[in-house]
Structure formats: structure tokens, C-alpha cells
Amino acid sequence: MIIFNITVNISHTAEKEWLHYMKTVQIPEILSTTLPIECKLLRLLTEIENEGSTYTCQFSFRTMEDFLAYQTHFQADIQERHHQLFNGQYVSFRTLLQEA
């Protein structure tokens, strides 16, 4: 199992709109590619006080080939739409994990 983990710190002012967007637009769009088999959206609870809230979005893929297909054919456009909507209101980083 391959897990594509996206960690996002979103400003408090944009948090409600961002959560709505993630739950109703971005996550369903990614899942509709049929490449990831599930998604978990989690909020970090052990966070130092800062300018926003931190979330992690974890997409599970059966194989590395499925993840690479998502990355090649879909990821750039989906990321660009997110960036256009929330530019300047978030910072993020991505990690790729393999279930042991």
C-alpha cells in the first residue's frame, strides 16, 4: 500500500472555506480518478500556536504504478486549482509512504 500524504497549514480565516472545498470538491475529484482507494482527512491536535490549523490528507493507493499514474495525469491540475483559490493562505508539503 502506498500512502500519499499532504500536510497543509491553513490560515484561521480561510479554514472553514478550505475544509468545505476539500470535502466537497478536491477529495471527491481525486477519488473519482479511481486511482486512490481511500482518503483520510485529519486535523493535527498536538500543534503549537501559530497562524493557522494543520491538516493531513492521506490518499491510499494499491500500487506505486497507481500513484505514478495519478501524479502524471491529474496532480498538477488539481494542485493548481487549490493554489489559485488559497494562494497566500496556506503552506504545504507532501510525503510518500509505504505500508510496512
N, C-alpha and C. Protein backbone atom coordinates (compact mmCIF):
# COMPACT_ATOMS: atom_id res chain seq x y z
N MET A 1 0.86 -1.18 0.00
CA MET A 1 0.00 0.00 0.00
C MET A 1 0.90 1.23 0.00
N ILE A 2 0.60 2.17 -0.86
CA ILE A 2 1.31 3.44 -0.95
C ILE A 2 0.39 4.53 -0.40
N ILE A 3 0.92 5.38 0.47
CA ILE A 3 0.13 6.48 1.03
C ILE A 3 0.77 7.80 0.62
N PHE A 4 -0.01 8.61 -0.07
CA PHE A 4 0.40 9.95 -0.47
C PHE A 4 -0.15 10.90 0.58
N ASN A 5 0.73 11.51 1.35
CA ASN A 5 0.35 12.35 2.48
C ASN A 5 0.61 13.82 2.14
N ILE A 6 -0.42 14.64 2.24
CA ILE A 6 -0.30 16.07 2.00
C ILE A 6 -0.61 16.77 3.32
N THR A 7 0.37 17.49 3.86
CA THR A 7 0.20 18.22 5.10
C THR A 7 0.03 19.69 4.76
N VAL A 8 -1.02 20.30 5.28
CA VAL A 8 -1.36 21.69 4.97
C VAL A 8 -1.58 22.47 6.26
N ASN A 9 -0.94 23.62 6.37
CA ASN A 9 -1.26 24.57 7.42
C ASN A 9 -2.04 25.69 6.75
N ILE A 10 -3.31 25.82 7.12
CA ILE A 10 -4.21 26.79 6.51
C ILE A 10 -4.53 27.90 7.51
N SER A 11 -4.58 29.13 7.04
CA SER A 11 -4.86 30.26 7.93
C SER A 11 -6.23 30.08 8.59
N HIS A 12 -6.35 30.61 9.80
CA HIS A 12 -7.62 30.50 10.51
C HIS A 12 -8.75 31.17 9.72
N THR A 13 -8.46 32.26 9.02
CA THR A 13 -9.51 32.97 8.28
C THR A 13 -10.03 32.17 7.09
N ALA A 14 -9.21 31.31 6.51
CA ALA A 14 -9.62 30.52 5.34
C ALA A 14 -10.01 29.09 5.70
N GLU A 15 -9.84 28.70 6.95
CA GLU A 15 -10.01 27.30 7.34
C GLU A 15 -11.38 26.73 7.00
N LYS A 16 -12.45 27.42 7.33
CA LYS A 16 -13.79 26.90 7.08
C LYS A 16 -14.04 26.70 5.58
N GLU A 17 -13.68 27.70 4.78
CA GLU A 17 -13.83 27.59 3.32
C GLU A 17 -12.97 26.46 2.76
N TRP A 18 -11.73 26.35 3.26
CA TRP A 18 -10.81 25.32 2.79
C TRP A 18 -11.36 23.93 3.10
N LEU A 19 -11.84 23.72 4.32
CA LEU A 19 -12.40 22.42 4.68
C LEU A 19 -13.58 22.05 3.79
N HIS A 20 -14.44 23.02 3.54
CA HIS A 20 -15.58 22.78 2.66
C HIS A 20 -15.10 22.39 1.26
N TYR A 21 -14.13 23.12 0.74
CA TYR A 21 -13.57 22.83 -0.58
C TYR A 21 -12.96 21.43 -0.62
N MET A 22 -12.18 21.10 0.39
CA MET A 22 -11.53 19.78 0.41
C MET A 22 -12.57 18.66 0.43
N LYS A 23 -13.59 18.80 1.27
CA LYS A 23 -14.58 17.74 1.43
C LYS A 23 -15.55 17.62 0.26
N THR A 24 -15.86 18.73 -0.38
CA THR A 24 -16.89 18.70 -1.42
C THR A 24 -16.35 18.76 -2.84
N VAL A 25 -15.10 19.21 -3.02
CA VAL A 25 -14.55 19.36 -4.37
C VAL A 25 -13.28 18.53 -4.56
N GLN A 26 -12.22 18.90 -3.85
CA GLN A 26 -10.92 18.31 -4.17
C GLN A 26 -10.84 16.81 -3.86
N ILE A 27 -11.21 16.39 -2.67
CA ILE A 27 -11.14 14.97 -2.34
C ILE A 27 -12.04 14.14 -3.26
N PRO A 28 -13.31 14.52 -3.47
CA PRO A 28 -14.13 13.75 -4.41
C PRO A 28 -13.53 13.72 -5.83
N GLU A 29 -12.93 14.82 -6.27
CA GLU A 29 -12.32 14.84 -7.60
C GLU A 29 -11.16 13.84 -7.68
N ILE A 30 -10.32 13.82 -6.66
CA ILE A 30 -9.18 12.88 -6.67
C ILE A 30 -9.69 11.45 -6.61
N LEU A 31 -10.65 11.16 -5.75
CA LEU A 31 -11.19 9.81 -5.66
C LEU A 31 -11.88 9.38 -6.96
N SER A 32 -12.45 10.33 -7.68
CA SER A 32 -13.14 9.99 -8.93
C SER A 32 -12.19 9.52 -10.03
N THR A 33 -10.89 9.73 -9.86
CA THR A 33 -9.93 9.20 -10.83
C THR A 33 -9.85 7.68 -10.73
N THR A 34 -10.37 7.12 -9.66
CA THR A 34 -10.37 5.69 -9.32
C THR A 34 -8.97 5.14 -9.05
N LEU A 35 -7.97 5.99 -8.95
CA LEU A 35 -6.62 5.52 -8.64
C LEU A 35 -6.39 5.35 -7.14
N PRO A 36 -6.73 6.33 -6.29
CA PRO A 36 -6.64 6.07 -4.86
C PRO A 36 -7.86 5.25 -4.43
N ILE A 37 -7.66 4.41 -3.41
CA ILE A 37 -8.77 3.57 -2.96
C ILE A 37 -9.47 4.13 -1.73
N GLU A 38 -8.81 5.08 -1.04
CA GLU A 38 -9.47 5.75 0.08
C GLU A 38 -8.72 7.03 0.42
N CYS A 39 -9.38 7.85 1.23
CA CYS A 39 -8.78 9.10 1.68
C CYS A 39 -9.18 9.34 3.12
N LYS A 40 -8.22 9.85 3.90
CA LYS A 40 -8.49 10.29 5.26
C LYS A 40 -8.05 11.74 5.37
N LEU A 41 -8.93 12.58 5.90
CA LEU A 41 -8.61 13.98 6.18
C LEU A 41 -8.56 14.11 7.70
N LEU A 42 -7.39 14.47 8.22
CA LEU A 42 -7.17 14.50 9.66
C LEU A 42 -6.66 15.87 10.09
N ARG A 43 -7.07 16.29 11.29
CA ARG A 43 -6.61 17.56 11.86
C ARG A 43 -5.58 17.26 12.94
N LEU A 44 -4.47 17.95 12.89
CA LEU A 44 -3.41 17.80 13.89
C LEU A 44 -3.87 18.41 15.21
N LEU A 45 -3.80 17.63 16.28
CA LEU A 45 -4.24 18.09 17.60
C LEU A 45 -3.09 18.60 18.45
N THR A 46 -1.90 18.08 18.28
CA THR A 46 -0.75 18.47 19.09
C THR A 46 0.07 19.49 18.32
N GLU A 47 -0.44 20.69 18.28
CA GLU A 47 0.16 21.75 17.47
C GLU A 47 0.50 22.94 18.35
N ILE A 48 1.66 23.54 18.08
CA ILE A 48 1.99 24.78 18.78
C ILE A 48 1.15 25.90 18.19
N GLU A 49 0.94 26.93 18.95
CA GLU A 49 0.12 28.06 18.49
C GLU A 49 0.83 28.75 17.33
N ASN A 50 0.12 28.87 16.22
CA ASN A 50 0.67 29.57 15.05
C ASN A 50 -0.44 30.28 14.31
N GLU A 51 -0.19 30.62 13.09
CA GLU A 51 -1.13 31.42 12.31
C GLU A 51 -2.23 30.61 11.63
N GLY A 52 -2.31 29.32 11.91
CA GLY A 52 -3.33 28.52 11.24
C GLY A 52 -3.51 27.18 11.91
N SER A 53 -4.28 26.34 11.23
CA SER A 53 -4.53 24.97 11.67
C SER A 53 -3.88 24.02 10.68
N THR A 54 -3.40 22.89 11.19
CA THR A 54 -2.70 21.93 10.34
C THR A 54 -3.55 20.69 10.13
N TYR A 55 -3.63 20.26 8.87
CA TYR A 55 -4.37 19.07 8.47
C TYR A 55 -3.46 18.19 7.64
N THR A 56 -3.78 16.91 7.62
CA THR A 56 -3.12 15.99 6.72
C THR A 56 -4.19 15.25 5.93
N CYS A 57 -3.95 15.13 4.66
CA CYS A 57 -4.86 14.42 3.77
C CYS A 57 -4.08 13.22 3.24
N GLN A 58 -4.56 12.01 3.54
CA GLN A 58 -3.84 10.80 3.20
C GLN A 58 -4.62 9.99 2.17
N PHE A 59 -4.03 9.85 0.99
CA PHE A 59 -4.63 9.06 -0.08
C PHE A 59 -3.91 7.73 -0.17
N SER A 60 -4.65 6.63 -0.13
CA SER A 60 -4.07 5.29 -0.21
C SER A 60 -4.20 4.77 -1.65
N PHE A 61 -3.09 4.25 -2.15
CA PHE A 61 -3.03 3.66 -3.49
C PHE A 61 -2.61 2.20 -3.35
N ARG A 62 -3.18 1.34 -4.18
CA ARG A 62 -2.82 -0.08 -4.12
C ARG A 62 -1.35 -0.30 -4.49
N THR A 63 -0.89 0.41 -5.52
CA THR A 63 0.46 0.18 -6.04
C THR A 63 1.15 1.50 -6.34
N MET A 64 2.46 1.45 -6.48
CA MET A 64 3.23 2.63 -6.89
C MET A 64 2.82 3.06 -8.30
N GLU A 65 2.49 2.11 -9.15
CA GLU A 65 2.05 2.43 -10.52
C GLU A 65 0.78 3.27 -10.49
N ASP A 66 -0.15 2.95 -9.60
CA ASP A 66 -1.38 3.74 -9.48
C ASP A 66 -1.06 5.16 -9.03
N PHE A 67 -0.17 5.30 -8.05
CA PHE A 67 0.22 6.64 -7.61
C PHE A 67 0.89 7.42 -8.74
N LEU A 68 1.81 6.78 -9.46
CA LEU A 68 2.51 7.46 -10.55
C LEU A 68 1.54 7.87 -11.66
N ALA A 69 0.53 7.07 -11.92
CA ALA A 69 -0.49 7.44 -12.90
C ALA A 69 -1.25 8.68 -12.43
N TYR A 70 -1.62 8.71 -11.15
CA TYR A 70 -2.29 9.90 -10.60
C TYR A 70 -1.38 11.12 -10.74
N GLN A 71 -0.14 10.96 -10.34
CA GLN A 71 0.82 12.07 -10.38
C GLN A 71 1.02 12.58 -11.80
N THR A 72 1.11 11.69 -12.75
CA THR A 72 1.36 12.05 -14.14
C THR A 72 0.17 12.72 -14.80
N HIS A 73 -1.03 12.20 -14.55
CA HIS A 73 -2.20 12.64 -15.31
C HIS A 73 -3.11 13.64 -14.61
N PHE A 74 -3.05 13.74 -13.28
CA PHE A 74 -4.04 14.54 -12.56
C PHE A 74 -3.48 15.55 -11.57
N GLN A 75 -2.39 15.24 -10.93
CA GLN A 75 -1.94 16.01 -9.78
C GLN A 75 -1.70 17.49 -10.08
N ALA A 76 -1.03 17.82 -11.15
CA ALA A 76 -0.68 19.22 -11.43
C ALA A 76 -1.92 20.11 -11.54
N ASP A 77 -2.93 19.68 -12.28
CA ASP A 77 -4.15 20.49 -12.45
C ASP A 77 -4.89 20.67 -11.12
N ILE A 78 -4.98 19.60 -10.34
CA ILE A 78 -5.68 19.67 -9.06
C ILE A 78 -4.94 20.60 -8.11
N GLN A 79 -3.61 20.50 -8.06
CA GLN A 79 -2.82 21.39 -7.21
C GLN A 79 -2.96 22.85 -7.65
N GLU A 80 -2.98 23.09 -8.94
CA GLU A 80 -3.07 24.47 -9.44
C GLU A 80 -4.40 25.11 -9.05
N ARG A 81 -5.50 24.37 -9.15
CA ARG A 81 -6.81 24.92 -8.74
C ARG A 81 -6.81 25.26 -7.25
N HIS A 82 -6.23 24.38 -6.43
CA HIS A 82 -6.14 24.63 -4.99
C HIS A 82 -5.32 25.89 -4.75
N HIS A 83 -4.19 26.00 -5.43
CA HIS A 83 -3.31 27.15 -5.25
C HIS A 83 -4.01 28.46 -5.65
N GLN A 84 -4.74 28.44 -6.74
CA GLN A 84 -5.46 29.64 -7.19
C GLN A 84 -6.48 30.10 -6.16
N LEU A 85 -7.15 29.17 -5.51
CA LEU A 85 -8.18 29.52 -4.53
C LEU A 85 -7.60 29.98 -3.19
N PHE A 86 -6.47 29.40 -2.77
CA PHE A 86 -5.98 29.64 -1.42
C PHE A 86 -4.56 30.21 -1.38
N ASN A 87 -4.13 30.79 -2.48
CA ASN A 87 -2.78 31.37 -2.58
C ASN A 87 -2.53 32.36 -1.44
N GLY A 88 -1.41 32.18 -0.75
CA GLY A 88 -1.05 33.08 0.33
C GLY A 88 -1.69 32.76 1.67
N GLN A 89 -2.56 31.76 1.69
CA GLN A 89 -3.28 31.41 2.92
C GLN A 89 -2.87 30.05 3.47
N TYR A 90 -1.90 29.39 2.83
CA TYR A 90 -1.50 28.06 3.28
C TYR A 90 -0.03 27.80 2.96
N VAL A 91 0.52 26.86 3.66
CA VAL A 91 1.80 26.24 3.31
C VAL A 91 1.56 24.74 3.36
N SER A 92 2.28 24.00 2.51
CA SER A 92 2.07 22.56 2.49
C SER A 92 3.35 21.83 2.12
N PHE A 93 3.35 20.55 2.44
CA PHE A 93 4.41 19.67 1.95
C PHE A 93 3.82 18.28 1.77
N ARG A 94 4.47 17.51 0.92
CA ARG A 94 3.98 16.19 0.56
C ARG A 94 5.01 15.13 0.92
N THR A 95 4.53 13.97 1.34
CA THR A 95 5.40 12.83 1.60
C THR A 95 4.74 11.59 1.00
N LEU A 96 5.57 10.65 0.60
CA LEU A 96 5.11 9.39 0.04
C LEU A 96 5.57 8.29 0.99
N LEU A 97 4.62 7.48 1.43
CA LEU A 97 4.88 6.44 2.43
C LEU A 97 4.50 5.08 1.87
N GLN A 98 5.16 4.06 2.39
CA GLN A 98 4.80 2.69 2.04
C GLN A 98 4.45 1.95 3.31
N GLU A 99 3.32 1.26 3.28
CA GLU A 99 2.90 0.47 4.44
C GLU A 99 3.90 -0.66 4.65
N ALA A 100 4.37 -0.80 5.88
CA ALA A 100 5.38 -1.83 6.19
C ALA A 100 4.72 -3.17 6.47
